[in-house]
Amino acid sequence: MNIVINGKHEQVALSEPTLINLLAEYSLQGKSVIVEANGQIVPKDELASTNVKDGDRIEIVQFVGGG
């Protein structure tokens, strides 16, 4: 499936096309991230039930600690 992740066109193959599996594909599952799908912020408790479809635009923002 072809999607746009953080402005970059990507081709991904997910066994189950959900946002939580997409995060796992990029080693981000369980990390502090905010996910936006097609202009809408997806609550953390909906990542496993939100499907990713061909042509979707996904933005992933990861929080990084520092001082």
PDB file of N, CA and C in Angstrom:
ATOM      1  N   MET A   1       0.851  -1.162   0.000  1.00  0.00           N
ATOM      2  CA  MET A   1       0.000   0.000   0.000  1.00  0.00           C
ATOM      3  C   MET A   1       0.895   1.223   0.000  1.00  0.00           C
ATOM      4  N   ASN A   2       0.465   2.260  -0.690  1.00  0.00           N
ATOM      5  CA  ASN A   2       1.207   3.514  -0.771  1.00  0.00           C
ATOM      6  C   ASN A   2       0.552   4.547   0.130  1.00  0.00           C
ATOM      7  N   ILE A   3       1.345   5.089   1.061  1.00  0.00           N
ATOM      8  CA  ILE A   3       0.863   6.121   1.971  1.00  0.00           C
ATOM      9  C   ILE A   3       1.922   7.208   2.079  1.00  0.00           C
ATOM     10  N   VAL A   4       1.550   8.315   2.673  1.00  0.00           N
ATOM     11  CA  VAL A   4       2.494   9.401   2.919  1.00  0.00           C
ATOM     12  C   VAL A   4       2.708   9.473   4.426  1.00  0.00           C
ATOM     13  N   ILE A   5       3.968   9.328   4.849  1.00  0.00           N
ATOM     14  CA  ILE A   5       4.318   9.398   6.267  1.00  0.00           C
ATOM     15  C   ILE A   5       5.251  10.584   6.463  1.00  0.00           C
ATOM     16  N   ASN A   6       4.804  11.539   7.270  1.00  0.00           N
ATOM     17  CA  ASN A   6       5.584  12.750   7.542  1.00  0.00           C
ATOM     18  C   ASN A   6       6.057  13.417   6.250  1.00  0.00           C
ATOM     19  N   GLY A   7       5.154  13.463   5.274  1.00  0.00           N
ATOM     20  CA  GLY A   7       5.433  14.145   4.020  1.00  0.00           C
ATOM     21  C   GLY A   7       6.220  13.339   3.003  1.00  0.00           C
ATOM     22  N   LYS A   8       6.580  12.105   3.333  1.00  0.00           N
ATOM     23  CA  LYS A   8       7.382  11.271   2.438  1.00  0.00           C
ATOM     24  C   LYS A   8       6.547  10.091   1.942  1.00  0.00           C
ATOM     25  N   HIS A   9       6.542   9.882   0.630  1.00  0.00           N
ATOM     26  CA  HIS A   9       5.799   8.757   0.052  1.00  0.00           C
ATOM     27  C   HIS A   9       6.496   7.452   0.421  1.00  0.00           C
ATOM     28  N   GLU A  10       5.729   6.524   0.990  1.00  0.00           N
ATOM     29  CA  GLU A  10       6.261   5.234   1.434  1.00  0.00           C
ATOM     30  C   GLU A  10       5.374   4.117   0.911  1.00  0.00           C
ATOM     31  N   GLN A  11       5.994   2.989   0.627  1.00  0.00           N
ATOM     32  CA  GLN A  11       5.241   1.790   0.287  1.00  0.00           C
ATOM     33  C   GLN A  11       5.433   0.817   1.442  1.00  0.00           C
ATOM     34  N   VAL A  12       4.338   0.430   2.076  1.00  0.00           N
ATOM     35  CA  VAL A  12       4.410  -0.457   3.236  1.00  0.00           C
ATOM     36  C   VAL A  12       3.502  -1.660   3.028  1.00  0.00           C
ATOM     37  N   ALA A  13       3.903  -2.768   3.632  1.00  0.00           N
ATOM     38  CA  ALA A  13       3.085  -3.983   3.612  1.00  0.00           C
ATOM     39  C   ALA A  13       2.854  -4.380   5.062  1.00  0.00           C
ATOM     40  N   LEU A  14       1.618  -4.272   5.502  1.00  0.00           N
ATOM     41  CA  LEU A  14       1.271  -4.604   6.881  1.00  0.00           C
ATOM     42  C   LEU A  14       0.357  -5.818   6.885  1.00  0.00           C
ATOM     43  N   SER A  15       0.624  -6.771   7.789  1.00  0.00           N
ATOM     44  CA  SER A  15      -0.235  -7.954   7.871  1.00  0.00           C
ATOM     45  C   SER A  15      -1.654  -7.555   8.247  1.00  0.00           C
ATOM     46  N   GLU A  16      -1.773  -6.633   9.191  1.00  0.00           N
ATOM     47  CA  GLU A  16      -3.050  -6.022   9.548  1.00  0.00           C
ATOM     48  C   GLU A  16      -2.847  -4.523   9.425  1.00  0.00           C
ATOM     49  N   PRO A  17      -3.549  -3.867   8.514  1.00  0.00           N
ATOM     50  CA  PRO A  17      -3.285  -2.447   8.241  1.00  0.00           C
ATOM     51  C   PRO A  17      -3.894  -1.500   9.279  1.00  0.00           C
ATOM     52  N   THR A  18      -3.296  -1.476  10.480  1.00  0.00           N
ATOM     53  CA  THR A  18      -3.754  -0.559  11.523  1.00  0.00           C
ATOM     54  C   THR A  18      -2.612   0.384  11.889  1.00  0.00           C
ATOM     55  N   LEU A  19      -2.962   1.483  12.526  1.00  0.00           N
ATOM     56  CA  LEU A  19      -1.937   2.445  12.923  1.00  0.00           C
ATOM     57  C   LEU A  19      -0.959   1.846  13.930  1.00  0.00           C
ATOM     58  N   ILE A  20      -1.437   1.008  14.840  1.00  0.00           N
ATOM     59  CA  ILE A  20      -0.531   0.407  15.827  1.00  0.00           C
ATOM     60  C   ILE A  20       0.495  -0.486  15.132  1.00  0.00           C
ATOM     61  N   ASN A  21       0.087  -1.198  14.083  1.00  0.00           N
ATOM     62  CA  ASN A  21       1.026  -2.035  13.330  1.00  0.00           C
ATOM     63  C   ASN A  21       1.988  -1.188  12.510  1.00  0.00           C
ATOM     64  N   LEU A  22       1.524  -0.052  12.026  1.00  0.00           N
ATOM     65  CA  LEU A  22       2.413   0.864  11.311  1.00  0.00           C
ATOM     66  C   LEU A  22       3.488   1.389  12.262  1.00  0.00           C
ATOM     67  N   LEU A  23       3.094   1.751  13.481  1.00  0.00           N
ATOM     68  CA  LEU A  23       4.074   2.203  14.473  1.00  0.00           C
ATOM     69  C   LEU A  23       5.080   1.094  14.776  1.00  0.00           C
ATOM     70  N   ALA A  24       4.611  -0.141  14.885  1.00  0.00           N
ATOM     71  CA  ALA A  24       5.509  -1.267  15.141  1.00  0.00           C
ATOM     72  C   ALA A  24       6.490  -1.450  13.985  1.00  0.00           C
ATOM     73  N   GLU A  25       6.014  -1.264  12.766  1.00  0.00           N
ATOM     74  CA  GLU A  25       6.863  -1.387  11.575  1.00  0.00           C
ATOM     75  C   GLU A  25       8.031  -0.398  11.632  1.00  0.00           C
ATOM     76  N   TYR A  26       7.797   0.761  12.217  1.00  0.00           N
ATOM     77  CA  TYR A  26       8.834   1.796  12.329  1.00  0.00           C
ATOM     78  C   TYR A  26       9.459   1.831  13.728  1.00  0.00           C
ATOM     79  N   SER A  27       9.286   0.752  14.493  1.00  0.00           N
ATOM     80  CA  SER A  27       9.847   0.623  15.852  1.00  0.00           C
ATOM     81  C   SER A  27       9.429   1.765  16.766  1.00  0.00           C
ATOM     82  N   LEU A  28       8.176   2.203  16.650  1.00  0.00           N
ATOM     83  CA  LEU A  28       7.664   3.300  17.466  1.00  0.00           C
ATOM     84  C   LEU A  28       6.549   2.872  18.410  1.00  0.00           C
ATOM     85  N   GLN A  29       6.157   1.607  18.365  1.00  0.00           N
ATOM     86  CA  GLN A  29       5.084   1.132  19.243  1.00  0.00           C
ATOM     87  C   GLN A  29       5.544   1.230  20.693  1.00  0.00           C
ATOM     88  N   GLY A  30       4.704   1.803  21.547  1.00  0.00           N
ATOM     89  CA  GLY A  30       5.026   1.953  22.954  1.00  0.00           C
ATOM     90  C   GLY A  30       5.821   3.203  23.281  1.00  0.00           C
ATOM     91  N   LYS A  31       6.221   3.955  22.257  1.00  0.00           N
ATOM     92  CA  LYS A  31       6.963   5.198  22.487  1.00  0.00           C
ATOM     93  C   LYS A  31       5.978   6.357  22.586  1.00  0.00           C
ATOM     94  N   SER A  32       6.447   7.478  23.092  1.00  0.00           N
ATOM     95  CA  SER A  32       5.602   8.673  23.229  1.00  0.00           C
ATOM     96  C   SER A  32       5.474   9.354  21.873  1.00  0.00           C
ATOM     97  N   VAL A  33       4.357   9.095  21.207  1.00  0.00           N
ATOM     98  CA  VAL A  33       4.114   9.681  19.889  1.00  0.00           C
ATOM     99  C   VAL A  33       2.693  10.222  19.812  1.00  0.00           C
ATOM    100  N   ILE A  34       2.513  11.162  18.913  1.00  0.00           N
ATOM    101  CA  ILE A  34       1.189  11.647  18.522  1.00  0.00           C
ATOM    102  C   ILE A  34       1.031  11.259  17.057  1.00  0.00           C
ATOM    103  N   VAL A  35      -0.117  10.685  16.716  1.00  0.00           N
ATOM    104  CA  VAL A  35      -0.363  10.255  15.343  1.00  0.00           C
ATOM    105  C   VAL A  35      -1.556  11.019  14.790  1.00  0.00           C
ATOM    106  N   GLU A  36      -1.364  11.542  13.591  1.00  0.00           N
ATOM    107  CA  GLU A  36      -2.434  12.227  12.872  1.00  0.00           C
ATOM    108  C   GLU A  36      -2.668  11.460  11.576  1.00  0.00           C
ATOM    109  N   ALA A  37      -3.910  11.119  11.307  1.00  0.00           N
ATOM    110  CA  ALA A  37      -4.270  10.411  10.083  1.00  0.00           C
ATOM    111  C   ALA A  37      -5.229  11.278   9.287  1.00  0.00           C
ATOM    112  N   ASN A  38      -4.806  11.665   8.107  1.00  0.00           N
ATOM    113  CA  ASN A  38      -5.631  12.473   7.209  1.00  0.00           C
ATOM    114  C   ASN A  38      -6.163  13.731   7.898  1.00  0.00           C
ATOM    115  N   GLY A  39      -5.280  14.388   8.657  1.00  0.00           N
ATOM    116  CA  GLY A  39      -5.630  15.662   9.274  1.00  0.00           C
ATOM    117  C   GLY A  39      -6.322  15.571  10.620  1.00  0.00           C
ATOM    118  N   GLN A  40      -6.548  14.351  11.123  1.00  0.00           N
ATOM    119  CA  GLN A  40      -7.227  14.169  12.405  1.00  0.00           C
ATOM    120  C   GLN A  40      -6.298  13.458  13.389  1.00  0.00           C
ATOM    121  N   ILE A  41      -6.141  14.032  14.586  1.00  0.00           N
ATOM    122  CA  ILE A  41      -5.340  13.373  15.610  1.00  0.00           C
ATOM    123  C   ILE A  41      -6.082  12.125  16.077  1.00  0.00           C
ATOM    124  N   VAL A  42      -5.356  11.020  16.147  1.00  0.00           N
ATOM    125  CA  VAL A  42      -5.944   9.743  16.558  1.00  0.00           C
ATOM    126  C   VAL A  42      -5.584   9.502  18.027  1.00  0.00           C
ATOM    127  N   PRO A  43      -6.594   9.372  18.899  1.00  0.00           N
ATOM    128  CA  PRO A  43      -6.311   9.085  20.308  1.00  0.00           C
ATOM    129  C   PRO A  43      -5.547   7.769  20.455  1.00  0.00           C
ATOM    130  N   LYS A  44      -4.673   7.718  21.454  1.00  0.00           N
ATOM    131  CA  LYS A  44      -3.822   6.546  21.670  1.00  0.00           C
ATOM    132  C   LYS A  44      -4.637   5.258  21.790  1.00  0.00           C
ATOM    133  N   ASP A  45      -5.807   5.332  22.420  1.00  0.00           N
ATOM    134  CA  ASP A  45      -6.619   4.121  22.602  1.00  0.00           C
ATOM    135  C   ASP A  45      -7.337   3.683  21.328  1.00  0.00           C
ATOM    136  N   GLU A  46      -7.206   4.451  20.242  1.00  0.00           N
ATOM    137  CA  GLU A  46      -7.831   4.082  18.969  1.00  0.00           C
ATOM    138  C   GLU A  46      -6.814   3.647  17.912  1.00  0.00           C
ATOM    139  N   LEU A  47      -5.524   3.633  18.257  1.00  0.00           N
ATOM    140  CA  LEU A  47      -4.497   3.273  17.274  1.00  0.00           C
ATOM    141  C   LEU A  47      -4.665   1.846  16.760  1.00  0.00           C
ATOM    142  N   ALA A  48      -5.050   0.922  17.644  1.00  0.00           N
ATOM    143  CA  ALA A  48      -5.200  -0.480  17.234  1.00  0.00           C
ATOM    144  C   ALA A  48      -6.442  -0.717  16.384  1.00  0.00           C
ATOM    145  N   SER A  49      -7.419   0.169  16.483  1.00  0.00           N
ATOM    146  CA  SER A  49      -8.662  -0.033  15.735  1.00  0.00           C
ATOM    147  C   SER A  49      -8.791   0.895  14.524  1.00  0.00           C
ATOM    148  N   THR A  50      -7.793   1.733  14.292  1.00  0.00           N
ATOM    149  CA  THR A  50      -7.836   2.652  13.152  1.00  0.00           C
ATOM    150  C   THR A  50      -7.064   2.049  11.990  1.00  0.00           C
ATOM    151  N   ASN A  51      -7.767   1.781  10.903  1.00  0.00           N
ATOM    152  CA  ASN A  51      -7.147   1.175   9.726  1.00  0.00           C
ATOM    153  C   ASN A  51      -6.386   2.197   8.899  1.00  0.00           C
ATOM    154  N   VAL A  52      -5.336   1.708   8.257  1.00  0.00           N
ATOM    155  CA  VAL A  52      -4.553   2.495   7.307  1.00  0.00           C
ATOM    156  C   VAL A  52      -4.959   2.033   5.918  1.00  0.00           C
ATOM    157  N   LYS A  53      -5.258   2.998   5.047  1.00  0.00           N
ATOM    158  CA  LYS A  53      -5.694   2.669   3.691  1.00  0.00           C
ATOM    159  C   LYS A  53      -4.746   3.289   2.672  1.00  0.00           C
ATOM    160  N   ASP A  54      -4.716   2.707   1.498  1.00  0.00           N
ATOM    161  CA  ASP A  54      -3.904   3.229   0.408  1.00  0.00           C
ATOM    162  C   ASP A  54      -4.223   4.708   0.193  1.00  0.00           C
ATOM    163  N   GLY A  55      -3.187   5.531   0.125  1.00  0.00           N
ATOM    164  CA  GLY A  55      -3.362   6.958  -0.112  1.00  0.00           C
ATOM    165  C   GLY A  55      -3.472   7.794   1.149  1.00  0.00           C
ATOM    166  N   ASP A  56      -3.517   7.151   2.330  1.00  0.00           N
ATOM    167  CA  ASP A  56      -3.615   7.909   3.582  1.00  0.00           C
ATOM    168  C   ASP A  56      -2.380   8.781   3.795  1.00  0.00           C
ATOM    169  N   ARG A  57      -2.595   9.878   4.521  1.00  0.00           N
ATOM    170  CA  ARG A  57      -1.514  10.785   4.914  1.00  0.00           C
ATOM    171  C   ARG A  57      -1.381  10.691   6.432  1.00  0.00           C
ATOM    172  N   ILE A  58      -0.242  10.202   6.872  1.00  0.00           N
ATOM    173  CA  ILE A  58       0.009   9.965   8.291  1.00  0.00           C
ATOM    174  C   ILE A  58       1.145  10.877   8.753  1.00  0.00           C
ATOM    175  N   GLU A  59       0.925  11.547   9.860  1.00  0.00           N
ATOM    176  CA  GLU A  59       1.978  12.343  10.498  1.00  0.00           C
ATOM    177  C   GLU A  59       2.250  11.718  11.857  1.00  0.00           C
ATOM    178  N   ILE A  60       3.515  11.486  12.146  1.00  0.00           N
ATOM    179  CA  ILE A  60       3.915  10.907  13.428  1.00  0.00           C
ATOM    180  C   ILE A  60       4.913  11.854  14.072  1.00  0.00           C
ATOM    181  N   VAL A  61       4.579  12.314  15.268  1.00  0.00           N
ATOM    182  CA  VAL A  61       5.470  13.199  16.016  1.00  0.00           C
ATOM    183  C   VAL A  61       5.923  12.441  17.250  1.00  0.00           C
ATOM    184  N   GLN A  62       7.246  12.304  17.387  1.00  0.00           N
ATOM    185  CA  GLN A  62       7.807  11.586  18.530  1.00  0.00           C
ATOM    186  C   GLN A  62       8.400  12.589  19.504  1.00  0.00           C
ATOM    187  N   PHE A  63       8.102  12.394  20.779  1.00  0.00           N
ATOM    188  CA  PHE A  63       8.642  13.256  21.823  1.00  0.00           C
ATOM    189  C   PHE A  63      10.005  12.728  22.245  1.00  0.00           C
ATOM    190  N   VAL A  64      10.961  13.640  22.346  1.00  0.00           N
ATOM    191  CA  VAL A  64      12.314  13.281  22.735  1.00  0.00           C
ATOM    192  C   VAL A  64      12.681  14.087  23.966  1.00  0.00           C
ATOM    193  N   GLY A  65      13.121  13.402  25.002  1.00  0.00           N
ATOM    194  CA  GLY A  65      13.513  14.083  26.232  1.00  0.00           C
ATOM    195  C   GLY A  65      14.916  14.657  26.118  1.00  0.00           C
ATOM    196  N   GLY A  66      15.169  15.607  26.923  1.00  0.00           N
ATOM    197  CA  GLY A  66      16.496  16.214  26.926  1.00  0.00           C
ATOM    198  C   GLY A  66      16.543  17.331  27.941  1.00  0.00           C
ATOM    199  N   GLY A  67      17.682  17.916  28.048  1.00  0.00           N
ATOM    200  CA  GLY A  67      17.781  18.965  29.047  1.00  0.00           C
ATOM    201  C   GLY A  67      18.684  20.078  28.645  1.00  0.00           C
TER     202      GLY A  67
END
